[in-house]
Amino acid sequence: MNFLSHYYFDRDTTNCYHTLGTVLPDLVKNADKNIIIHPEKLQHPDKNINDIILGWQKHLEVDRFFHSSGFFTARSHALKNLLAPAIGGSPVKPFFLGHIALEIILDNLLITTGKISTDDFYDHLNSCDTTVIKEFLNFSGLKDTDRFFKFFEEFKRSRYLETYAQNDKVTYALKRICMRVWKDPFTPEQEEKMTTLITAYRNAMLVDFIDIFNYIQELLSRD
């Protein structure tokens, strides 16, 4: 799941460090794909740092439930088949595109149906003390944190997740992700076709997208 979908499960919390922890695995990965840390089994004497760790654990659990669900299998496969003809000749693998398209569409639907507030999400991130985050990263084994904080500050400043509310920006977000691997993943014509298809699929999902969140919430409540 993407950032805002992870936030959905803890949208009512007042604990900014827990909120940060629920999205931190993806923040770290986006900052530098070569950073590999596994803090999920660690324990720290500082409560705020332990709250980040608990959020990190929650992230891993939600992703595990999501990626093993029938919803994910069926919907990502359907998007792969839908988008494949539109990106003929592109170096991007259709199964990869279907996977990430589904996750960003879910974020779009959470915003546009008012299920979450992006203002609240960013307020949480801005409330976290940098020294606490740095101690968490150091404690997890990451000594050089400069690249992470450069990305994190820009992530907060740009508030680009808010653009997911616009259907054409879903395509742009997909392009940005694919550009980490492929220099020129899509032509303008392919992007236009993708936007049309993604918009139609997003509209069809509107009636039942919340089912996957209810399903995961039920699994979480059993733990």
Foldseek 3Di string as FASTA:
>chain_A
DALVLLCLLVQPDPQLLLSCLLHVVVLVCVLPVPDDFDCLPPDDPDPSLVSSSNSVVSNVLLVVLQVPDPVQVVQLVVQLVLLVVLQPPFPDRSSVLSNLLVVLLLLLLCVQVVSHDLVSSLVSLVPDDPVSVQVSCVVRPNPDCVSSVVSSVVCSVVSCSVVSPDLLVSLVVSQVVCCVPPVGRGDPSSSVSSSVSSVVVSVVCNVPVCVSVVVSSVVVVVD
